[in-house]
Amino acid sequence: VQLVESGGGLVQPGGSLRLSCAASGFTFSNYAMIWCRQAPGKECEQVARITSAGVSTNYADFAKGRFTISRDNAKNTVYLQMNSLKPEDTAVYYCTTGLYGYWGQGTQVTVSS
């Protein structure tokens, strides 16, 4: 089983990034997927969740209106489009099937001028 995140980096405040998470080794289309982020010294907080078929999504309050989660089950990939980024969005972003499920290695997002 693998979840491999990509797309992180350094971006200025107000900028955008699109994170991707490629899954393999399990039946991706059977699982809801979550993006979670962890800032230094803090626990991982859920950013967004999408159901297995992509029909329903939900977002943390800080993500509403700025972030969009989506998935392509044909490509076994989940995405997180992040717009209007703020310095407080700086964190390692993980994709996961859930707390006791599969996790990727994370991708660093740094928002700084």
Protein backbone atom coordinates (compact mmCIF):
# COMPACT_ATOMS: atom_id res chain seq x y z
CA VAL A 1 0.00 0.00 0.00
CA GLN A 2 1.27 3.42 -0.91
CA LEU A 3 -0.01 6.96 -0.73
CA VAL A 4 2.39 9.44 -2.30
CA GLU A 5 1.74 13.14 -1.92
CA SER A 6 3.25 15.76 -4.19
CA GLY A 7 2.80 19.38 -5.12
CA GLY A 8 3.93 21.10 -1.97
CA GLY A 9 6.45 23.89 -1.89
CA LEU A 10 7.09 27.49 -1.00
CA VAL A 11 4.44 29.98 -2.05
CA GLN A 12 3.79 33.62 -1.25
CA PRO A 13 0.72 34.67 0.71
CA GLY A 14 -2.26 34.82 -1.60
CA GLY A 15 -0.81 32.20 -3.88
CA SER A 16 -2.09 28.77 -4.86
CA LEU A 17 -0.91 25.20 -4.80
CA ARG A 18 -2.43 21.96 -5.98
CA LEU A 19 -1.53 18.89 -3.98
CA SER A 20 -1.88 15.40 -5.39
CA CYS A 21 -1.93 12.05 -3.67
CA ALA A 22 -1.42 8.94 -5.76
CA ALA A 23 -2.66 5.70 -4.26
CA SER A 24 -1.67 2.14 -4.98
CA GLY A 25 -1.96 -1.29 -3.42
CA PHE A 26 -5.57 -1.07 -2.36
CA THR A 27 -8.97 -0.46 -3.91
CA PHE A 28 -8.86 3.32 -3.88
CA SER A 29 -12.43 3.75 -5.08
CA ASN A 30 -13.74 1.97 -1.97
CA TYR A 31 -12.32 4.54 0.42
CA ALA A 32 -13.23 8.02 1.48
CA MET A 33 -10.10 10.15 1.47
CA ILE A 34 -8.94 12.85 3.83
CA TRP A 35 -6.37 15.59 3.66
CA CYS A 36 -4.89 16.33 7.04
CA ARG A 37 -2.23 18.88 7.95
CA GLN A 38 0.24 19.08 10.77
CA ALA A 39 2.02 22.23 11.81
CA PRO A 40 5.11 22.02 14.04
CA GLY A 41 4.18 21.10 17.59
CA LYS A 42 0.55 20.48 16.74
CA GLU A 43 -1.62 17.48 16.04
CA CYS A 44 -2.77 16.69 12.56
CA GLU A 45 -5.98 18.52 11.79
CA GLN A 46 -8.43 17.47 9.13
CA VAL A 47 -8.55 19.83 6.19
CA ALA A 48 -11.07 18.17 3.90
CA ARG A 49 -12.75 14.85 3.24
CA ILE A 50 -14.28 13.35 0.13
CA THR A 51 -16.45 10.27 -0.10
CA SER A 52 -15.40 7.22 -2.06
CA ALA A 53 -17.32 8.17 -5.20
CA GLY A 54 -16.55 11.85 -4.82
CA VAL A 55 -20.17 12.76 -4.39
CA SER A 56 -19.83 14.49 -1.04
CA THR A 57 -17.15 16.68 0.47
CA ASN A 58 -16.67 18.51 3.69
CA TYR A 59 -14.15 21.05 4.88
CA ALA A 60 -12.70 22.48 8.02
CA ASP A 61 -13.87 26.01 8.63
CA PHE A 62 -10.45 27.42 7.76
CA ALA A 63 -10.58 25.67 4.39
CA LYS A 64 -14.07 26.63 3.29
CA GLY A 65 -14.07 28.89 0.28
CA ARG A 66 -10.34 28.54 -0.28
CA PHE A 67 -9.60 24.83 -0.65
CA THR A 68 -11.21 22.23 -2.90
CA ILE A 69 -10.84 18.49 -2.55
CA SER A 70 -11.46 16.28 -5.55
CA ARG A 71 -10.58 12.81 -6.76
CA ASP A 72 -10.14 10.83 -9.93
CA ASN A 73 -10.82 7.19 -9.22
CA ALA A 74 -9.63 6.20 -12.68
CA LYS A 75 -6.22 7.59 -11.75
CA ASN A 76 -6.33 6.51 -8.09
CA THR A 77 -5.55 10.09 -7.13
CA VAL A 78 -6.99 12.64 -4.74
CA TYR A 79 -6.27 16.34 -5.04
CA LEU A 80 -6.35 19.41 -2.87
CA GLN A 81 -6.52 22.75 -4.64
CA MET A 82 -5.49 25.49 -2.25
CA ASN A 83 -6.06 29.14 -3.10
CA SER A 84 -5.57 32.37 -1.20
CA LEU A 85 -2.94 30.74 0.94
CA LYS A 86 -2.00 32.29 4.25
CA PRO A 87 1.10 31.91 6.41
CA GLU A 88 -0.97 29.92 8.90
CA ASP A 89 -1.54 27.29 6.23
CA THR A 90 2.11 26.32 6.57
CA ALA A 91 2.23 22.64 7.52
CA VAL A 92 2.98 19.17 6.31
CA TYR A 93 -0.04 17.96 4.37
CA TYR A 94 -0.94 14.28 4.43
CA CYS A 95 -3.48 12.25 2.57
CA THR A 96 -5.02 9.40 4.48
CA THR A 97 -7.89 6.97 4.51
CA GLY A 98 -8.41 7.75 8.16
CA LEU A 99 -6.74 7.77 11.56
CA TYR A 100 -6.25 4.01 11.66
CA GLY A 101 -5.86 3.59 7.92
CA TYR A 102 -3.29 4.34 5.30
CA TRP A 103 -1.11 7.46 5.37
CA GLY A 104 1.26 9.06 2.94
CA GLN A 105 4.63 10.52 3.84
CA GLY A 106 3.38 14.09 3.58
CA THR A 107 4.32 17.09 1.52
CA GLN A 108 5.54 20.36 3.00
CA VAL A 109 3.62 23.53 2.26
CA THR A 110 5.25 26.78 3.30
CA VAL A 111 3.48 30.09 2.84
CA SER A 112 5.85 32.96 3.29
CA SER A 113 6.95 36.16 1.65
